Protein backbone atom coordinates (compact mmCIF):
# COMPACT_ATOMS: atom_id res chain seq x y z
CA UNK A 1 -0.06 0.17 -0.10
CA UNK A 2 1.65 3.47 -0.75
CA UNK A 3 0.62 5.75 1.62
CA UNK A 4 -1.04 9.25 0.01
CA UNK A 5 -1.78 7.88 -3.59
CA UNK A 6 -3.27 10.17 -5.22
CA UNK A 7 -5.25 8.40 -8.05
CA UNK A 8 -7.23 7.40 -5.64
CA UNK A 9 -8.27 10.52 -4.16
CA UNK A 10 -8.89 9.66 -1.00
CA UNK A 11 -7.71 12.27 1.07
CA UNK A 12 -10.35 15.10 2.40
CA UNK A 13 -12.90 12.90 1.29
CA UNK A 14 -15.50 11.19 3.40
CA UNK A 15 -16.22 7.42 3.55
CA UNK A 16 -19.03 5.34 4.91
CA UNK A 17 -18.77 1.67 5.57
CA UNK A 18 -21.97 -0.40 5.84
CA UNK A 19 -21.38 -3.16 7.92
CA UNK A 20 -18.01 -1.34 9.22
CA UNK A 21 -17.70 -3.58 12.51
CA UNK A 22 -17.10 -6.44 10.25
CA UNK A 23 -13.82 -8.10 9.58
CA UNK A 24 -13.45 -6.64 6.40
CA UNK A 25 -14.96 -3.21 7.74
CA UNK A 26 -12.47 -2.74 10.75
CA UNK A 27 -9.29 -3.73 8.15
CA UNK A 28 -10.43 -1.37 5.52
CA UNK A 29 -11.05 1.63 8.24
CA UNK A 30 -7.47 0.94 9.95
CA UNK A 31 -6.11 0.83 6.22
CA UNK A 32 -7.81 4.41 5.91
CA UNK A 33 -6.01 5.60 8.95
CA UNK A 34 -2.79 4.41 8.78
CA UNK A 35 -2.02 5.26 4.83
CA UNK A 36 -4.40 8.06 4.08
CA UNK A 37 -6.33 11.62 5.12
CA UNK A 38 -9.90 11.05 4.84
CA UNK A 39 -11.89 14.03 5.93
CA UNK A 40 -14.35 11.37 7.79
CA UNK A 41 -14.83 7.74 7.88
CA UNK A 42 -18.12 6.70 8.94
CA UNK A 43 -19.14 3.27 10.62
CA UNK A 44 -22.59 2.68 9.72
CA UNK A 45 -23.97 -0.65 11.53
CA UNK A 46 -26.80 -1.77 13.79
CA UNK A 47 -24.73 -3.45 16.86
CA UNK A 48 -23.83 -0.65 19.49
CA UNK A 49 -21.76 -2.87 21.22
CA UNK A 50 -19.58 -4.00 18.23
CA UNK A 51 -19.50 0.29 17.62
CA UNK A 52 -18.62 0.50 20.99
CA UNK A 53 -15.41 -1.86 21.28
CA UNK A 54 -14.18 -0.72 17.61
CA UNK A 55 -14.37 2.44 18.78
CA UNK A 56 -12.32 2.23 21.63
CA UNK A 57 -9.69 -0.09 19.99
CA UNK A 58 -9.05 2.35 17.18
CA UNK A 59 -9.14 5.49 19.53
CA UNK A 60 -5.46 5.63 19.41
CA UNK A 61 -4.96 5.25 15.57
CA UNK A 62 -7.71 7.77 15.20
CA UNK A 63 -5.30 10.76 15.64
CA UNK A 64 -7.34 13.48 13.51
CA UNK A 65 -10.70 12.18 15.23
CA UNK A 66 -12.43 11.58 11.69
CA UNK A 67 -13.99 8.42 12.87
CA UNK A 68 -17.89 8.64 13.06
CA UNK A 69 -19.83 5.66 14.73
CA UNK A 70 -23.65 5.77 13.04
CA UNK A 71 -26.41 3.20 14.44
CA UNK A 72 -28.20 2.09 11.64
CA UNK A 73 -29.72 -0.81 9.37
CA UNK A 74 -29.24 -0.97 5.90
CA UNK A 75 -32.98 -2.20 5.69
CA UNK A 76 -34.29 1.60 7.09
CA UNK A 77 -33.69 3.86 3.97
CA UNK A 78 -34.41 6.98 5.57
CA UNK A 79 -31.51 6.09 8.11
CA UNK A 80 -29.20 5.91 5.19
CA UNK A 81 -30.62 8.92 3.10
CA UNK A 82 -29.77 10.85 6.55
CA UNK A 83 -26.26 9.23 6.78
CA UNK A 84 -25.33 9.23 3.17
CA UNK A 85 -25.52 13.37 3.49
CA UNK A 86 -22.30 14.75 2.33
CA UNK A 87 -20.55 11.25 1.83
CA UNK A 88 -18.17 10.71 -1.48
CA UNK A 89 -17.54 7.20 -1.08
CA UNK A 90 -20.00 4.13 0.19
CA UNK A 91 -18.57 0.44 0.35
CA UNK A 92 -21.67 -1.64 1.15
CA UNK A 93 -20.02 -4.35 2.97
CA UNK A 94 -23.39 -5.29 5.38
CA UNK A 95 -24.56 -8.37 4.76
CA UNK A 96 -26.80 -11.48 6.38
CA UNK A 97 -24.22 -14.05 5.36
CA UNK A 98 -24.41 -17.51 7.35
CA UNK A 99 -25.92 -19.73 4.77
CA UNK A 100 -27.54 -22.07 7.35
CA UNK A 101 -29.58 -19.09 9.25
CA UNK A 102 -30.23 -17.54 5.73
CA UNK A 103 -32.03 -20.86 5.04
CA UNK A 104 -34.21 -20.78 8.27
CA UNK A 105 -34.77 -16.60 8.32
CA UNK A 106 -35.13 -16.25 4.17
CA UNK A 107 -37.34 -13.35 4.74
CA UNK A 108 -34.82 -11.40 6.78
CA UNK A 109 -31.89 -12.48 4.37
CA UNK A 110 -34.03 -11.28 1.44
CA UNK A 111 -34.79 -8.05 3.28
CA UNK A 112 -30.98 -7.12 4.08
CA UNK A 113 -29.16 -8.29 0.97
CA UNK A 114 -31.83 -7.68 -1.58
CA UNK A 115 -33.77 -4.46 -0.08
CA UNK A 116 -30.99 -3.60 1.73
CA UNK A 117 -28.64 -3.39 -1.73
CA UNK A 118 -31.72 -1.26 -3.01
CA UNK A 119 -31.96 0.96 -0.38
CA UNK A 120 -27.96 1.58 -0.38
CA UNK A 121 -28.50 2.57 -4.53
CA UNK A 122 -31.19 4.96 -4.06
CA UNK A 123 -29.74 7.16 -0.56
CA UNK A 124 -26.47 6.98 -3.03
CA UNK A 125 -28.39 8.57 -5.53
CA UNK A 126 -30.31 10.62 -3.81
CA UNK A 127 -27.69 12.08 -1.95
CA UNK A 128 -24.97 12.40 -4.84
CA UNK A 129 -22.64 9.85 -3.50
CA UNK A 130 -19.95 9.84 -5.82
CA UNK A 131 -19.47 5.92 -6.17
CA UNK A 132 -20.28 3.06 -4.45
CA UNK A 133 -18.14 -0.28 -4.04
CA UNK A 134 -20.25 -3.27 -2.98
CA UNK A 135 -18.77 -6.57 -1.58
CA UNK A 136 -19.73 -9.55 -3.10
CA UNK A 137 -19.34 -13.37 -2.68
CA UNK A 138 -17.65 -16.58 -4.74
CA UNK A 139 -21.29 -18.05 -3.92
CA UNK A 140 -23.03 -15.44 -5.75
CA UNK A 141 -21.74 -17.47 -8.90
CA UNK A 142 -24.25 -20.15 -10.13
CA UNK A 143 -25.74 -19.88 -6.30
CA UNK A 144 -27.42 -22.87 -4.77
CA UNK A 145 -28.48 -21.56 -1.51
CA UNK A 146 -30.54 -18.57 -0.48
CA UNK A 147 -27.57 -16.35 0.63
CA UNK A 148 -25.64 -16.75 -2.74
CA UNK A 149 -29.03 -15.87 -4.85
CA UNK A 150 -29.73 -12.77 -2.73
CA UNK A 151 -26.02 -11.48 -3.59
CA UNK A 152 -26.19 -12.26 -7.06
CA UNK A 153 -29.38 -10.26 -6.81
CA UNK A 154 -27.56 -7.60 -4.81
CA UNK A 155 -24.67 -7.76 -7.39
CA UNK A 156 -27.20 -7.33 -10.27
CA UNK A 157 -28.77 -4.62 -8.58
CA UNK A 158 -25.77 -2.68 -8.13
CA UNK A 159 -24.57 -3.15 -11.80
CA UNK A 160 -28.48 -1.58 -12.84
CA UNK A 161 -27.67 0.93 -10.54
CA UNK A 162 -25.37 2.70 -13.27
CA UNK A 163 -28.66 3.05 -15.36
CA UNK A 164 -30.80 4.13 -12.75
CA UNK A 165 -28.91 7.29 -11.78
CA UNK A 166 -30.11 9.36 -14.62
CA UNK A 167 -28.37 12.37 -15.01
CA UNK A 168 -26.91 11.96 -11.63
CA UNK A 169 -23.21 11.16 -11.84
CA UNK A 170 -23.27 8.30 -8.61
CA UNK A 171 -20.98 5.04 -9.70
CA UNK A 172 -21.70 1.77 -8.76
CA UNK A 173 -19.18 -1.58 -9.23
CA UNK A 174 -18.92 -4.50 -7.03
CA UNK A 175 -15.91 -6.74 -5.78
CA UNK A 176 -16.11 -10.54 -5.93
CA UNK A 177 -13.91 -12.66 -4.16
CA UNK A 178 -14.01 -16.19 -1.84
CA UNK A 179 -12.92 -17.20 1.64
CA UNK A 180 -11.31 -14.33 3.56
CA UNK A 181 -8.67 -16.00 5.66
CA UNK A 182 -9.27 -15.19 9.50
CA UNK A 183 -12.71 -13.90 8.98
CA UNK A 184 -15.31 -14.33 11.69
CA UNK A 185 -17.18 -17.35 10.99
CA UNK A 186 -14.61 -18.70 8.38
CA UNK A 187 -13.06 -21.92 8.08
CA UNK A 188 -9.66 -21.12 9.97
CA UNK A 189 -10.65 -19.49 12.87
CA UNK A 190 -13.48 -22.67 13.57
CA UNK A 191 -10.61 -25.14 13.07
CA UNK A 192 -8.55 -23.37 15.52
CA UNK A 193 -11.22 -23.06 18.02
CA UNK A 194 -11.89 -26.67 18.42
CA UNK A 195 -8.26 -27.91 17.36
CA UNK A 196 -8.06 -28.98 21.04
CA UNK A 197 -10.49 -31.60 20.75
CA UNK A 198 -8.21 -33.99 18.56
CA UNK A 199 -10.97 -33.98 16.09
CA UNK A 200 -12.20 -31.61 12.84
CA UNK A 201 -15.17 -32.51 10.94
CA UNK A 202 -14.43 -32.40 7.33
CA UNK A 203 -17.40 -32.31 5.05
CA UNK A 204 -15.70 -33.89 1.65
CA UNK A 205 -12.15 -34.80 1.02
CA UNK A 206 -12.34 -33.49 -2.05
CA UNK A 207 -13.90 -30.11 -1.16
CA UNK A 208 -11.30 -27.11 -2.39
CA UNK A 209 -11.73 -22.81 -1.41
CA UNK A 210 -10.71 -19.79 -2.57
CA UNK A 211 -8.53 -18.01 -0.25
CA UNK A 212 -7.78 -14.49 0.28
CA UNK A 213 -6.53 -12.38 3.03
CA UNK A 214 -8.37 -9.13 4.59
CA UNK A 215 -5.61 -6.98 3.09
CA UNK A 216 -5.92 -8.23 -0.31
CA UNK A 217 -9.55 -7.90 -0.01
CA UNK A 218 -9.06 -4.20 0.50
CA UNK A 219 -6.87 -3.51 -1.86
CA UNK A 220 -9.33 -5.15 -4.35
CA UNK A 221 -12.14 -2.61 -2.95
CA UNK A 222 -9.17 -0.12 -3.62
CA UNK A 223 -8.85 -1.04 -7.02
CA UNK A 224 -12.63 -0.77 -7.88
CA UNK A 225 -12.17 2.85 -6.12
CA UNK A 226 -9.65 4.00 -8.21
CA UNK A 227 -10.15 2.22 -11.56
CA UNK A 228 -14.14 1.47 -11.71
CA UNK A 229 -16.08 3.70 -13.93
CA UNK A 230 -19.72 1.98 -13.32
CA UNK A 231 -20.92 -1.63 -13.89
CA UNK A 232 -17.74 -3.93 -13.54
CA UNK A 233 -17.47 -6.82 -11.18
CA UNK A 234 -13.82 -7.27 -10.29
CA UNK A 235 -12.41 -10.76 -9.70
CA UNK A 236 -9.29 -11.16 -8.05
CA UNK A 237 -6.87 -14.12 -9.05
CA UNK A 238 -6.59 -15.46 -5.57
CA UNK A 239 -5.14 -19.45 -4.49
CA UNK A 240 -7.47 -22.27 -3.69
CA UNK A 241 -6.72 -25.13 -1.22
CA UNK A 242 -7.72 -28.05 -0.25
CA UNK A 243 -9.80 -28.21 3.02
CA UNK A 244 -7.92 -30.68 4.28
CA UNK A 245 -4.72 -29.12 3.71
CA UNK A 246 -6.15 -26.36 6.14
CA UNK A 247 -7.16 -28.66 8.52
CA UNK A 248 -3.94 -30.56 8.71
CA UNK A 249 -2.01 -27.17 8.99
CA UNK A 250 -3.80 -26.01 11.85
CA UNK A 251 -4.13 -29.37 13.61
CA UNK A 252 -1.61 -31.88 11.97
CA UNK A 253 -2.49 -34.56 14.80
CA UNK A 254 -6.08 -34.06 14.86
CA UNK A 255 -8.30 -36.89 13.24
CA UNK A 256 -10.55 -35.26 10.18
CA UNK A 257 -13.78 -36.59 10.64
CA UNK A 258 -15.95 -37.03 7.50
CA UNK A 259 -19.55 -35.50 7.81
CA UNK A 260 -20.80 -34.75 4.12
CA UNK A 261 -21.94 -31.78 2.55
CA UNK A 262 -24.49 -29.92 4.46
CA UNK A 263 -27.25 -28.10 2.62
CA UNK A 264 -26.27 -25.37 0.33
CA UNK A 265 -22.66 -26.19 0.25
CA UNK A 266 -20.43 -27.01 -2.69
CA UNK A 267 -17.49 -28.87 -3.38
CA UNK A 268 -15.58 -26.62 -5.20
CA UNK A 269 -16.83 -22.66 -5.55
CA UNK A 270 -16.71 -20.93 -8.54
CA UNK A 271 -16.25 -17.02 -9.33
CA UNK A 272 -16.54 -16.86 -12.96
CA UNK A 273 -19.33 -19.04 -14.73
CA UNK A 274 -18.90 -19.92 -18.53
CA UNK A 275 -21.49 -18.14 -19.03
CA UNK A 276 -19.70 -14.51 -17.42
CA UNK A 277 -16.81 -15.77 -19.89
CA UNK A 278 -18.17 -14.14 -22.99
CA UNK A 279 -17.91 -10.64 -21.11
CA UNK A 280 -15.27 -10.78 -18.73
CA UNK A 281 -11.76 -9.53 -19.60
CA UNK A 282 -8.63 -10.49 -17.78
CA UNK A 283 -5.54 -8.71 -16.64
CA UNK A 284 -2.66 -9.33 -14.74
CA UNK A 285 -4.08 -9.61 -11.18
CA UNK A 286 -7.48 -10.17 -11.79
CA UNK A 287 -10.74 -10.49 -13.86
CA UNK A 288 -13.53 -7.86 -14.92
CA UNK A 289 -16.97 -9.03 -15.65
CA UNK A 290 -18.85 -6.54 -17.53
CA UNK A 291 -22.44 -6.14 -17.96
CA UNK A 292 -24.22 -8.27 -20.63
CA UNK A 293 -27.09 -5.71 -21.16
CA UNK A 294 -26.43 -2.13 -23.15
CA UNK A 295 -23.64 -3.39 -24.74
CA UNK A 296 -21.37 -2.01 -22.19
CA UNK A 297 -18.94 -4.60 -22.75
CA UNK A 298 -17.98 -2.86 -25.56
CA UNK A 299 -16.90 0.31 -24.00
CA UNK A 300 -13.40 0.80 -24.18
CA UNK A 301 -12.96 2.80 -21.33
CA UNK A 302 -14.35 -0.31 -19.29
CA UNK A 303 -12.25 -2.90 -20.94
CA UNK A 304 -8.95 -1.01 -20.94
CA UNK A 305 -5.92 -3.20 -21.14
CA UNK A 306 -8.28 -6.39 -20.90
CA UNK A 307 -8.17 -9.52 -22.89
CA UNK A 308 -11.36 -11.26 -23.64
CA UNK A 309 -11.60 -14.57 -21.61
CA UNK A 310 -12.00 -17.59 -24.02
CA UNK A 311 -15.30 -19.50 -24.79
CA UNK A 312 -15.94 -21.86 -22.07
CA UNK A 313 -13.66 -20.38 -19.41
CA UNK A 314 -14.55 -20.28 -15.95
CA UNK A 315 -12.76 -19.72 -12.39
CA UNK A 316 -13.33 -22.59 -10.27
CA UNK A 317 -11.39 -23.19 -6.99
CA UNK A 318 -11.15 -27.10 -7.86
CA UNK A 319 -9.03 -26.13 -11.19
CA UNK A 320 -7.54 -22.66 -10.12
CA UNK A 321 -4.11 -22.75 -11.46
CA UNK A 322 -2.85 -20.98 -8.41
CA UNK A 323 -2.83 -23.23 -5.14
CA UNK A 324 -1.96 -22.60 -1.88
CA UNK A 325 0.69 -24.48 0.16
CA UNK A 326 0.33 -25.62 3.96
CA UNK A 327 3.90 -23.82 4.32
CA UNK A 328 2.20 -20.49 2.97
CA UNK A 329 -0.71 -21.29 5.25
CA UNK A 330 1.62 -21.84 8.09
CA UNK A 331 3.37 -18.60 7.61
CA UNK A 332 0.07 -16.50 7.24
CA UNK A 333 -0.98 -18.03 10.51
CA UNK A 334 2.42 -17.08 12.23
CA UNK A 335 1.99 -13.67 11.37
CA UNK A 336 -1.55 -13.10 12.01
CA UNK A 337 -1.31 -15.23 15.59
CA UNK A 338 2.10 -15.53 16.67
CA UNK A 339 4.15 -18.74 16.03
CA UNK A 340 2.51 -20.35 18.96
CA UNK A 341 -0.63 -20.44 17.17
């Protein structure tokens, strides 16, 4: 990360993060405070205790007193309309993302992930926000569970938001990536929490997942802020790893218990389908999915130096060209948790 990167134009800007107390939100806010000079950073979320804890944790880092904490819910359009006043950039990270919870509470998941996306789009346009970057997930590609389906719908809404703006200048783009290493609810902290039992549950020995660090997730959002001109879905090139190798790295002596694939779970995750590939362009470190409607895929500014992906291409964690080794994961864990982890 280059400090004060002028191309990002974040210095002096007001940035709002929905779901800002989550793993990504906290890392993004830390990056902003350490590398840029924003006018204001607004954390909008609905859990007052998480906000209180985050405010205390970031007090020493917030030397310029730019952090603000707003209680609010993306379901509440009126609250978003008020919160977005004077905001330059919105990072939309709020979501209902626990798969079994979404299946058992489908109306609630839809209210947050779909209606919430609509509210963010309309509030951003009404308040003349410059750019919105929405976080997506690999589960939005060929979804088989409600969470993935709602995030696919959310992606479509944000892409279409660029047509919805009318004469306004608000831009919307999306970033899509896989399993965030170390984030709350992900497999690494789960395995670490039960490693002392001597047994780790594995749903299927063949299972693979894309692996991305929080830092890389933040970098992708910054890339979208810097390069996005509206309608793109940015997909990073990241390594895959077998879940059995993740378990073996965390607890080498633990017994692996095969428990079977859970409802709504895939053996391999996908971020770009064959259908998406028709409007997907490849770059050095990432792909860019352009919308198939309005002929936006032919816009030179959006394509830039990209190369159209070949017919039949897909980006799948099981057939990925890049793999994370157990030693790579161990190095990351040593940095993240300490060598005693």
